[in-house]
Amino acid sequence: MLQVLFGLGLVLAAVAGTAWLLRRFAPGQIGAGGVVKLIGGVAVGPKERLVLVEIGDTWLVLGVAPGRVNALHTLSRPEGGAFAVDSATADGNGFPAWLKQAMQGRKLG
């Protein structure tokens, strides 16, 4: 019985080690070299997310759902890489106001 448990533990350790190696040395991640950066994201539903991605000096707001990615808005990168409040967002005419209005329009009931 001890020999069977030891063999099972060895197989499970090998599977876990292989999974770690595949995640660590995935082929698609080496060539990016920092061109595309994920700034942040938030879940807006069980399978839907809003994601902010930086590509060069441009930020893209993407809507991500299973089998689909939509570009919702394009922004120029703020100075210092942080969010900056400008006059368009301060008076309620910017992207945050549009997003809030769009999300309220999608609610049922």
Protein backbone atom coordinates (compact mmCIF):
# COMPACT_ATOMS: atom_id res chain seq x y z
CA MET A 1 0.00 0.00 0.00
CA LEU A 2 2.84 2.37 0.83
CA GLN A 3 4.46 1.65 -2.54
CA VAL A 4 1.23 2.57 -4.39
CA LEU A 5 0.87 5.84 -2.46
CA PHE A 6 4.50 6.72 -3.15
CA GLY A 7 4.00 6.06 -6.88
CA LEU A 8 0.85 8.18 -6.94
CA GLY A 9 2.64 11.03 -5.18
CA LEU A 10 5.50 10.80 -7.66
CA VAL A 11 3.11 10.98 -10.64
CA LEU A 12 1.23 13.95 -9.15
CA ALA A 13 4.52 15.77 -8.48
CA ALA A 14 5.60 15.16 -12.09
CA VAL A 15 2.30 16.56 -13.43
CA ALA A 16 2.55 19.64 -11.20
CA GLY A 17 6.18 20.20 -12.21
CA THR A 18 5.35 19.91 -15.90
CA ALA A 19 2.46 22.38 -15.55
CA TRP A 20 4.76 24.85 -13.76
CA LEU A 21 7.40 24.54 -16.48
CA LEU A 22 4.85 25.06 -19.25
CA ARG A 23 3.53 28.20 -17.55
CA ARG A 24 7.01 29.51 -16.85
CA PHE A 25 8.42 28.96 -20.34
CA ALA A 26 5.30 29.43 -22.50
CA PRO A 27 6.28 30.13 -26.14
CA GLY A 28 4.00 33.16 -26.65
CA GLN A 29 5.35 35.21 -23.74
CA ILE A 30 9.03 35.42 -24.63
CA GLY A 31 8.76 37.51 -27.82
CA ALA A 32 6.57 40.31 -26.43
CA GLY A 33 9.44 42.13 -24.72
CA GLY A 34 7.16 44.58 -22.91
CA VAL A 35 5.37 45.89 -26.01
CA VAL A 36 1.94 45.05 -24.62
CA LYS A 37 1.24 45.67 -20.93
CA LEU A 38 -1.88 44.87 -18.96
CA ILE A 39 -2.71 47.94 -16.87
CA GLY A 40 -5.78 46.54 -15.13
CA GLY A 41 -9.12 44.87 -15.47
CA VAL A 42 -12.45 44.43 -13.77
CA ALA A 43 -15.17 41.79 -14.04
CA VAL A 44 -18.52 43.20 -15.20
CA GLY A 45 -20.31 39.86 -15.35
CA PRO A 46 -19.70 36.17 -14.75
CA LYS A 47 -17.74 35.79 -17.99
CA GLU A 48 -17.23 39.39 -19.12
CA ARG A 49 -14.38 41.74 -18.24
CA LEU A 50 -13.19 45.25 -19.01
CA VAL A 51 -9.44 45.33 -19.56
CA LEU A 52 -7.08 48.28 -19.92
CA VAL A 53 -4.07 47.47 -22.12
CA GLU A 54 -1.07 49.67 -22.94
CA ILE A 55 0.49 49.38 -26.39
CA GLY A 56 3.28 51.90 -26.87
CA ASP A 57 1.84 55.31 -26.01
CA THR A 58 -1.78 54.19 -26.44
CA TRP A 59 -4.17 52.70 -23.92
CA LEU A 60 -7.02 50.51 -25.16
CA VAL A 61 -10.15 49.75 -23.18
CA LEU A 62 -11.25 46.27 -24.26
CA GLY A 63 -14.42 44.37 -23.57
CA VAL A 64 -13.55 40.69 -23.21
CA ALA A 65 -16.13 37.89 -23.35
CA PRO A 66 -15.83 34.21 -24.24
CA GLY A 67 -14.80 34.05 -27.89
CA ARG A 68 -14.91 37.82 -28.37
CA VAL A 69 -12.77 40.92 -27.75
CA ASN A 70 -14.09 44.40 -28.59
CA ALA A 71 -12.19 47.68 -28.53
CA LEU A 72 -14.40 50.08 -26.56
CA HIS A 73 -12.22 53.16 -26.32
CA THR A 74 -8.74 54.43 -27.20
CA LEU A 75 -6.82 56.77 -24.91
CA SER A 76 -3.43 58.40 -25.07
CA ARG A 77 -1.20 57.30 -22.20
CA PRO A 78 -1.35 59.79 -19.31
CA GLU A 79 1.91 61.33 -18.20
CA GLY A 80 3.62 59.15 -15.64
CA GLY A 81 1.43 56.19 -16.60
CA ALA A 82 -1.20 57.06 -13.99
CA PHE A 83 -4.80 58.08 -14.46
CA ALA A 84 -5.18 61.81 -14.85
CA VAL A 85 -8.45 63.70 -14.48
CA ASP A 86 -8.82 66.27 -17.23
CA SER A 87 -11.60 68.73 -18.02
CA ALA A 88 -13.47 66.20 -20.21
CA THR A 89 -13.86 63.72 -17.35
CA ALA A 90 -14.39 66.35 -14.66
CA ASP A 91 -17.54 67.79 -16.31
CA GLY A 92 -19.09 64.35 -16.97
CA ASN A 93 -18.54 64.20 -20.74
CA GLY A 94 -15.63 61.74 -20.78
CA PHE A 95 -15.29 57.99 -20.97
CA PRO A 96 -16.22 57.27 -17.32
CA ALA A 97 -19.58 59.00 -17.77
CA TRP A 98 -20.19 57.17 -21.05
CA LEU A 99 -19.34 53.81 -19.45
CA LYS A 100 -21.66 54.46 -16.51
CA GLN A 101 -24.50 55.41 -18.85
CA ALA A 102 -23.90 52.35 -21.04
CA MET A 103 -23.86 50.00 -18.05
CA GLN A 104 -27.12 51.49 -16.69
CA GLY A 105 -28.74 51.05 -20.10
CA ARG A 106 -27.91 47.32 -20.14
CA LYS A 107 -29.55 46.57 -16.76
CA LEU A 108 -32.84 44.71 -16.97
CA GLY A 109 -35.77 45.61 -14.78
